[in-house]
Amino acid sequence: MLLFGLGAALPLLLLGTLSREVLLRWRDRMIGLGQGLKVALGAILVATGLMIATGYDKAAETVLVNTLPSWLTNLTTCF
């Protein structure tokens, strides 16, 4: 049982150690990417709110429904 436990734990410990080192190396890049995505998603949220407030969301929906293939429209509206 001890050998089985060591055999099962060693690969997990190795993966955990390697992934931690990789994540620590990539940490600054991931933080920068996260901040950029936060701004982009905020802009999308503001744009969506403005579209709803001005009523343009209905026109955009009409364009999308007319542009999308009929099988996708049927799939999204059948439930």
PDB file of N, CA and C in Angstrom:
ATOM      1  N   MET A   1       0.828  -1.198   0.000  1.00  0.00           N
ATOM      2  CA  MET A   1       0.000   0.000   0.000  1.00  0.00           C
ATOM      3  C   MET A   1       0.869   1.258   0.000  1.00  0.00           C
ATOM      4  N   LEU A   2       1.976   1.197   0.723  1.00  0.00           N
ATOM      5  CA  LEU A   2       2.868   2.348   0.762  1.00  0.00           C
ATOM      6  C   LEU A   2       3.456   2.618  -0.617  1.00  0.00           C
ATOM      7  N   LEU A   3       3.884   1.568  -1.304  1.00  0.00           N
ATOM      8  CA  LEU A   3       4.441   1.732  -2.641  1.00  0.00           C
ATOM      9  C   LEU A   3       3.389   2.231  -3.628  1.00  0.00           C
ATOM     10  N   PHE A   4       2.165   1.725  -3.496  1.00  0.00           N
ATOM     11  CA  PHE A   4       1.077   2.201  -4.362  1.00  0.00           C
ATOM     12  C   PHE A   4       0.834   3.688  -4.124  1.00  0.00           C
ATOM     13  N   GLY A   5       0.791   4.080  -2.868  1.00  0.00           N
ATOM     14  CA  GLY A   5       0.576   5.488  -2.537  1.00  0.00           C
ATOM     15  C   GLY A   5       1.675   6.376  -3.088  1.00  0.00           C
ATOM     16  N   LEU A   6       2.932   5.933  -2.977  1.00  0.00           N
ATOM     17  CA  LEU A   6       4.041   6.710  -3.532  1.00  0.00           C
ATOM     18  C   LEU A   6       3.955   6.781  -5.055  1.00  0.00           C
ATOM     19  N   GLY A   7       3.610   5.662  -5.674  1.00  0.00           N
ATOM     20  CA  GLY A   7       3.486   5.636  -7.129  1.00  0.00           C
ATOM     21  C   GLY A   7       2.371   6.542  -7.630  1.00  0.00           C
ATOM     22  N   ALA A   8       1.309   6.638  -6.869  1.00  0.00           N
ATOM     23  CA  ALA A   8       0.197   7.504  -7.263  1.00  0.00           C
ATOM     24  C   ALA A   8       0.498   8.970  -6.963  1.00  0.00           C
ATOM     25  N   ALA A   9       1.236   9.240  -5.888  1.00  0.00           N
ATOM     26  CA  ALA A   9       1.477  10.614  -5.459  1.00  0.00           C
ATOM     27  C   ALA A   9       2.601  11.284  -6.232  1.00  0.00           C
ATOM     28  N   LEU A  10       3.627  10.543  -6.610  1.00  0.00           N
ATOM     29  CA  LEU A  10       4.777  11.159  -7.268  1.00  0.00           C
ATOM     30  C   LEU A  10       4.430  11.869  -8.582  1.00  0.00           C
ATOM     31  N   PRO A  11       3.687  11.261  -9.490  1.00  0.00           N
ATOM     32  CA  PRO A  11       3.336  12.008 -10.705  1.00  0.00           C
ATOM     33  C   PRO A  11       2.515  13.266 -10.410  1.00  0.00           C
ATOM     34  N   LEU A  12       1.630  13.176  -9.431  1.00  0.00           N
ATOM     35  CA  LEU A  12       0.826  14.347  -9.079  1.00  0.00           C
ATOM     36  C   LEU A  12       1.692  15.456  -8.483  1.00  0.00           C
ATOM     37  N   LEU A  13       2.629  15.087  -7.633  1.00  0.00           N
ATOM     38  CA  LEU A  13       3.536  16.082  -7.067  1.00  0.00           C
ATOM     39  C   LEU A  13       4.413  16.711  -8.142  1.00  0.00           C
ATOM     40  N   LEU A  14       4.894  15.898  -9.069  1.00  0.00           N
ATOM     41  CA  LEU A  14       5.718  16.407 -10.159  1.00  0.00           C
ATOM     42  C   LEU A  14       4.929  17.383 -11.037  1.00  0.00           C
ATOM     43  N   LEU A  15       3.721  16.995 -11.408  1.00  0.00           N
ATOM     44  CA  LEU A  15       2.878  17.893 -12.211  1.00  0.00           C
ATOM     45  C   LEU A  15       2.560  19.181 -11.460  1.00  0.00           C
ATOM     46  N   GLY A  16       2.263  19.056 -10.182  1.00  0.00           N
ATOM     47  CA  GLY A  16       1.965  20.240  -9.380  1.00  0.00           C
ATOM     48  C   GLY A  16       3.142  21.184  -9.280  1.00  0.00           C
ATOM     49  N   THR A  17       4.331  20.640  -9.107  1.00  0.00           N
ATOM     50  CA  THR A  17       5.529  21.472  -8.999  1.00  0.00           C
ATOM     51  C   THR A  17       5.843  22.147 -10.325  1.00  0.00           C
ATOM     52  N   LEU A  18       5.787  21.386 -11.408  1.00  0.00           N
ATOM     53  CA  LEU A  18       6.080  21.966 -12.722  1.00  0.00           C
ATOM     54  C   LEU A  18       5.056  23.018 -13.111  1.00  0.00           C
ATOM     55  N   SER A  19       3.782  22.730 -12.861  1.00  0.00           N
ATOM     56  CA  SER A  19       2.753  23.700 -13.243  1.00  0.00           C
ATOM     57  C   SER A  19       2.869  24.965 -12.410  1.00  0.00           C
ATOM     58  N   ARG A  20       3.284  24.836 -11.150  1.00  0.00           N
ATOM     59  CA  ARG A  20       3.449  26.021 -10.303  1.00  0.00           C
ATOM     60  C   ARG A  20       4.572  26.892 -10.846  1.00  0.00           C
ATOM     61  N   GLU A  21       5.681  26.274 -11.263  1.00  0.00           N
ATOM     62  CA  GLU A  21       6.793  27.043 -11.813  1.00  0.00           C
ATOM     63  C   GLU A  21       6.379  27.761 -13.100  1.00  0.00           C
ATOM     64  N   VAL A  22       5.654  27.064 -13.950  1.00  0.00           N
ATOM     65  CA  VAL A  22       5.199  27.672 -15.202  1.00  0.00           C
ATOM     66  C   VAL A  22       4.244  28.822 -14.909  1.00  0.00           C
ATOM     67  N   LEU A  23       3.315  28.620 -13.996  1.00  0.00           N
ATOM     68  CA  LEU A  23       2.358  29.677 -13.669  1.00  0.00           C
ATOM     69  C   LEU A  23       3.037  30.886 -13.049  1.00  0.00           C
ATOM     70  N   LEU A  24       4.043  30.654 -12.224  1.00  0.00           N
ATOM     71  CA  LEU A  24       4.762  31.778 -11.637  1.00  0.00           C
ATOM     72  C   LEU A  24       5.528  32.559 -12.710  1.00  0.00           C
ATOM     73  N   ARG A  25       6.076  31.845 -13.719  1.00  0.00           N
ATOM     74  CA  ARG A  25       6.763  32.536 -14.805  1.00  0.00           C
ATOM     75  C   ARG A  25       5.788  33.342 -15.654  1.00  0.00           C
ATOM     76  N   TRP A  26       4.613  32.825 -15.855  1.00  0.00           N
ATOM     77  CA  TRP A  26       3.615  33.480 -16.702  1.00  0.00           C
ATOM     78  C   TRP A  26       2.730  34.448 -15.935  1.00  0.00           C
ATOM     79  N   ARG A  27       2.941  34.599 -14.656  1.00  0.00           N
ATOM     80  CA  ARG A  27       2.046  35.376 -13.792  1.00  0.00           C
ATOM     81  C   ARG A  27       1.836  36.800 -14.292  1.00  0.00           C
ATOM     82  N   ASP A  28       2.922  37.508 -14.595  1.00  0.00           N
ATOM     83  CA  ASP A  28       2.792  38.908 -15.031  1.00  0.00           C
ATOM     84  C   ASP A  28       2.030  39.019 -16.346  1.00  0.00           C
ATOM     85  N   ARG A  29       2.303  38.097 -17.270  1.00  0.00           N
ATOM     86  CA  ARG A  29       1.579  38.115 -18.544  1.00  0.00           C
ATOM     87  C   ARG A  29       0.093  37.855 -18.337  1.00  0.00           C
ATOM     88  N   MET A  30      -0.219  36.904 -17.461  1.00  0.00           N
ATOM     89  CA  MET A  30      -1.629  36.583 -17.208  1.00  0.00           C
ATOM     90  C   MET A  30      -2.347  37.732 -16.517  1.00  0.00           C
ATOM     91  N   ILE A  31      -1.647  38.426 -15.618  1.00  0.00           N
ATOM     92  CA  ILE A  31      -2.262  39.583 -14.951  1.00  0.00           C
ATOM     93  C   ILE A  31      -2.539  40.685 -15.970  1.00  0.00           C
ATOM     94  N   GLY A  32      -1.576  40.938 -16.855  1.00  0.00           N
ATOM     95  CA  GLY A  32      -1.781  41.949 -17.903  1.00  0.00           C
ATOM     96  C   GLY A  32      -2.912  41.578 -18.835  1.00  0.00           C
ATOM     97  N   LEU A  33      -2.962  40.303 -19.216  1.00  0.00           N
ATOM     98  CA  LEU A  33      -4.042  39.840 -20.081  1.00  0.00           C
ATOM     99  C   LEU A  33      -5.391  39.963 -19.373  1.00  0.00           C
ATOM    100  N   GLY A  34      -5.414  39.633 -18.092  1.00  0.00           N
ATOM    101  CA  GLY A  34      -6.658  39.737 -17.323  1.00  0.00           C
ATOM    102  C   GLY A  34      -7.154  41.170 -17.234  1.00  0.00           C
ATOM    103  N   GLN A  35      -6.227  42.097 -17.047  1.00  0.00           N
ATOM    104  CA  GLN A  35      -6.630  43.507 -16.979  1.00  0.00           C
ATOM    105  C   GLN A  35      -7.139  43.994 -18.328  1.00  0.00           C
ATOM    106  N   GLY A  36      -6.486  43.562 -19.408  1.00  0.00           N
ATOM    107  CA  GLY A  36      -6.954  43.936 -20.743  1.00  0.00           C
ATOM    108  C   GLY A  36      -8.328  43.367 -21.041  1.00  0.00           C
ATOM    109  N   LEU A  37      -8.544  42.100 -20.660  1.00  0.00           N
ATOM    110  CA  LEU A  37      -9.854  41.478 -20.863  1.00  0.00           C
ATOM    111  C   LEU A  37     -10.930  42.149 -20.013  1.00  0.00           C
ATOM    112  N   LYS A  38     -10.546  42.575 -18.832  1.00  0.00           N
ATOM    113  CA  LYS A  38     -11.502  43.268 -17.959  1.00  0.00           C
ATOM    114  C   LYS A  38     -11.996  44.552 -18.620  1.00  0.00           C
ATOM    115  N   VAL A  39     -11.076  45.302 -19.219  1.00  0.00           N
ATOM    116  CA  VAL A  39     -11.448  46.540 -19.911  1.00  0.00           C
ATOM    117  C   VAL A  39     -12.309  46.228 -21.133  1.00  0.00           C
ATOM    118  N   ALA A  40     -11.909  45.209 -21.906  1.00  0.00           N
ATOM    119  CA  ALA A  40     -12.662  44.854 -23.112  1.00  0.00           C
ATOM    120  C   ALA A  40     -14.071  44.394 -22.766  1.00  0.00           C
ATOM    121  N   LEU A  41     -14.204  43.561 -21.745  1.00  0.00           N
ATOM    122  CA  LEU A  41     -15.536  43.099 -21.351  1.00  0.00           C
ATOM    123  C   LEU A  41     -16.378  44.240 -20.787  1.00  0.00           C
ATOM    124  N   GLY A  42     -15.749  45.170 -20.102  1.00  0.00           N
ATOM    125  CA  GLY A  42     -16.471  46.353 -19.626  1.00  0.00           C
ATOM    126  C   GLY A  42     -16.990  47.189 -20.785  1.00  0.00           C
ATOM    127  N   ALA A  43     -16.168  47.337 -21.811  1.00  0.00           N
ATOM    128  CA  ALA A  43     -16.594  48.100 -22.990  1.00  0.00           C
ATOM    129  C   ALA A  43     -17.746  47.399 -23.704  1.00  0.00           C
ATOM    130  N   ILE A  44     -17.680  46.078 -23.791  1.00  0.00           N
ATOM    131  CA  ILE A  44     -18.780  45.323 -24.408  1.00  0.00           C
ATOM    132  C   ILE A  44     -20.055  45.493 -23.599  1.00  0.00           C
ATOM    133  N   LEU A  45     -19.935  45.478 -22.273  1.00  0.00           N
ATOM    134  CA  LEU A  45     -21.108  45.654 -21.405  1.00  0.00           C
ATOM    135  C   LEU A  45     -21.716  47.042 -21.575  1.00  0.00           C
ATOM    136  N   VAL A  46     -20.883  48.064 -21.646  1.00  0.00           N
ATOM    137  CA  VAL A  46     -21.381  49.429 -21.847  1.00  0.00           C
ATOM    138  C   VAL A  46     -22.043  49.555 -23.219  1.00  0.00           C
ATOM    139  N   ALA A  47     -21.414  48.986 -24.249  1.00  0.00           N
ATOM    140  CA  ALA A  47     -21.983  49.049 -25.602  1.00  0.00           C
ATOM    141  C   ALA A  47     -23.329  48.332 -25.648  1.00  0.00           C
ATOM    142  N   THR A  48     -23.422  47.182 -24.980  1.00  0.00           N
ATOM    143  CA  THR A  48     -24.693  46.448 -24.939  1.00  0.00           C
ATOM    144  C   THR A  48     -25.767  47.265 -24.226  1.00  0.00           C
ATOM    145  N   GLY A  49     -25.406  47.892 -23.124  1.00  0.00           N
ATOM    146  CA  GLY A  49     -26.357  48.749 -22.412  1.00  0.00           C
ATOM    147  C   GLY A  49     -26.836  49.910 -23.260  1.00  0.00           C
ATOM    148  N   LEU A  50     -25.911  50.523 -23.997  1.00  0.00           N
ATOM    149  CA  LEU A  50     -26.303  51.631 -24.878  1.00  0.00           C
ATOM    150  C   LEU A  50     -27.205  51.147 -26.005  1.00  0.00           C
ATOM    151  N   MET A  51     -26.912  49.955 -26.544  1.00  0.00           N
ATOM    152  CA  MET A  51     -27.765  49.410 -27.602  1.00  0.00           C
ATOM    153  C   MET A  51     -29.181  49.158 -27.072  1.00  0.00           C
ATOM    154  N   ILE A  52     -29.288  48.638 -25.870  1.00  0.00           N
ATOM    155  CA  ILE A  52     -30.610  48.380 -25.286  1.00  0.00           C
ATOM    156  C   ILE A  52     -31.336  49.690 -25.016  1.00  0.00           C
ATOM    157  N   ALA A  53     -30.605  50.680 -24.488  1.00  0.00           N
ATOM    158  CA  ALA A  53     -31.222  51.967 -24.156  1.00  0.00           C
ATOM    159  C   ALA A  53     -31.726  52.699 -25.396  1.00  0.00           C
ATOM    160  N   THR A  54     -31.023  52.547 -26.509  1.00  0.00           N
ATOM    161  CA  THR A  54     -31.414  53.259 -27.730  1.00  0.00           C
ATOM    162  C   THR A  54     -32.331  52.433 -28.630  1.00  0.00           C
ATOM    163  N   GLY A  55     -32.521  51.155 -28.305  1.00  0.00           N
ATOM    164  CA  GLY A  55     -33.374  50.301 -29.114  1.00  0.00           C
ATOM    165  C   GLY A  55     -32.655  49.679 -30.301  1.00  0.00           C
ATOM    166  N   TYR A  56     -31.368  49.930 -30.427  1.00  0.00           N
ATOM    167  CA  TYR A  56     -30.604  49.388 -31.553  1.00  0.00           C
ATOM    168  C   TYR A  56     -30.400  47.883 -31.426  1.00  0.00           C
ATOM    169  N   ASP A  57     -30.618  47.339 -30.230  1.00  0.00           N
ATOM    170  CA  ASP A  57     -30.432  45.887 -30.041  1.00  0.00           C
ATOM    171  C   ASP A  57     -31.387  45.087 -30.920  1.00  0.00           C
ATOM    172  N   LYS A  58     -32.583  45.600 -31.155  1.00  0.00           N
ATOM    173  CA  LYS A  58     -33.557  44.900 -32.008  1.00  0.00           C
ATOM    174  C   LYS A  58     -33.087  44.867 -33.453  1.00  0.00           C
ATOM    175  N   ALA A  59     -32.520  45.967 -33.929  1.00  0.00           N
ATOM    176  CA  ALA A  59     -32.004  46.003 -35.302  1.00  0.00           C
ATOM    177  C   ALA A  59     -30.809  45.061 -35.454  1.00  0.00           C
ATOM    178  N   ALA A  60     -29.934  45.034 -34.450  1.00  0.00           N
ATOM    179  CA  ALA A  60     -28.781  44.134 -34.493  1.00  0.00           C
ATOM    180  C   ALA A  60     -29.235  42.676 -34.455  1.00  0.00           C
ATOM    181  N   GLU A  61     -30.255  42.392 -33.651  1.00  0.00           N
ATOM    182  CA  GLU A  61     -30.799  41.035 -33.586  1.00  0.00           C
ATOM    183  C   GLU A  61     -31.381  40.617 -34.935  1.00  0.00           C
ATOM    184  N   THR A  62     -32.082  41.529 -35.584  1.00  0.00           N
ATOM    185  CA  THR A  62     -32.663  41.230 -36.902  1.00  0.00           C
ATOM    186  C   THR A  62     -31.568  40.913 -37.911  1.00  0.00           C
ATOM    187  N   VAL A  63     -30.511  41.696 -37.926  1.00  0.00           N
ATOM    188  CA  VAL A  63     -29.391  41.450 -38.843  1.00  0.00           C
ATOM    189  C   VAL A  63     -28.763  40.088 -38.559  1.00  0.00           C
ATOM    190  N   LEU A  64     -28.552  39.775 -37.282  1.00  0.00           N
ATOM    191  CA  LEU A  64     -27.948  38.489 -36.934  1.00  0.00           C
ATOM    192  C   LEU A  64     -28.840  37.314 -37.318  1.00  0.00           C
ATOM    193  N   VAL A  65     -30.128  37.415 -37.072  1.00  0.00           N
ATOM    194  CA  VAL A  65     -31.049  36.325 -37.413  1.00  0.00           C
ATOM    195  C   VAL A  65     -31.090  36.121 -38.918  1.00  0.00           C
ATOM    196  N   ASN A  66     -31.060  37.195 -39.683  1.00  0.00           N
ATOM    197  CA  ASN A  66     -31.084  37.076 -41.141  1.00  0.00           C
ATOM    198  C   ASN A  66     -29.751  36.570 -41.694  1.00  0.00           C
ATOM    199  N   THR A  67     -28.661  36.801 -40.987  1.00  0.00           N
ATOM    200  CA  THR A  67     -27.337  36.406 -41.449  1.00  0.00           C
ATOM    201  C   THR A  67     -27.007  34.957 -41.093  1.00  0.00           C
ATOM    202  N   LEU A  68     -27.446  34.517 -39.919  1.00  0.00           N
ATOM    203  CA  LEU A  68     -27.119  33.165 -39.459  1.00  0.00           C
ATOM    204  C   LEU A  68     -27.814  32.113 -40.312  1.00  0.00           C
ATOM    205  N   PRO A  69     -27.203  30.934 -40.446  1.00  0.00           N
ATOM    206  CA  PRO A  69     -27.877  29.857 -41.182  1.00  0.00           C
ATOM    207  C   PRO A  69     -29.155  29.419 -40.462  1.00  0.00           C
ATOM    208  N   SER A  70     -30.111  28.955 -41.224  1.00  0.00           N
ATOM    209  CA  SER A  70     -31.417  28.608 -40.649  1.00  0.00           C
ATOM    210  C   SER A  70     -31.313  27.469 -39.637  1.00  0.00           C
ATOM    211  N   TRP A  71     -30.383  26.522 -39.823  1.00  0.00           N
ATOM    212  CA  TRP A  71     -30.272  25.404 -38.878  1.00  0.00           C
ATOM    213  C   TRP A  71     -29.859  25.918 -37.492  1.00  0.00           C
ATOM    214  N   LEU A  72     -29.019  26.973 -37.459  1.00  0.00           N
ATOM    215  CA  LEU A  72     -28.610  27.510 -36.167  1.00  0.00           C
ATOM    216  C   LEU A  72     -29.754  28.261 -35.504  1.00  0.00           C
ATOM    217  N   THR A  73     -30.520  29.002 -36.291  1.00  0.00           N
ATOM    218  CA  THR A  73     -31.679  29.695 -35.741  1.00  0.00           C
ATOM    219  C   THR A  73     -32.684  28.694 -35.207  1.00  0.00           C
ATOM    220  N   ASN A  74     -32.936  27.626 -35.948  1.00  0.00           N
ATOM    221  CA  ASN A  74     -33.873  26.575 -35.484  1.00  0.00           C
ATOM    222  C   ASN A  74     -33.354  25.914 -34.215  1.00  0.00           C
ATOM    223  N   LEU A  75     -32.067  25.666 -34.138  1.00  0.00           N
ATOM    224  CA  LEU A  75     -31.485  25.017 -32.959  1.00  0.00           C
ATOM    225  C   LEU A  75     -31.639  25.885 -31.716  1.00  0.00           C
ATOM    226  N   THR A  76     -31.442  27.190 -31.865  1.00  0.00           N
ATOM    227  CA  THR A  76     -31.494  28.086 -30.701  1.00  0.00           C
ATOM    228  C   THR A  76     -32.925  28.456 -30.297  1.00  0.00           C
ATOM    229  N   THR A  77     -33.895  28.244 -31.180  1.00  0.00           N
ATOM    230  CA  THR A  77     -35.269  28.629 -30.837  1.00  0.00           C
ATOM    231  C   THR A  77     -36.186  27.437 -30.591  1.00  0.00           C
ATOM    232  N   CYS A  78     -35.682  26.211 -30.729  1.00  0.00           N
ATOM    233  CA  CYS A  78     -36.585  25.048 -30.585  1.00  0.00           C
ATOM    234  C   CYS A  78     -36.836  24.693 -29.117  1.00  0.00           C
ATOM    235  N   PHE A  79     -36.049  25.186 -28.204  1.00  0.00           N
ATOM    236  CA  PHE A  79     -36.256  24.814 -26.791  1.00  0.00           C
ATOM    237  C   PHE A  79     -36.884  25.931 -26.052  1.00  0.00           C
TER     238      PHE A  79
END
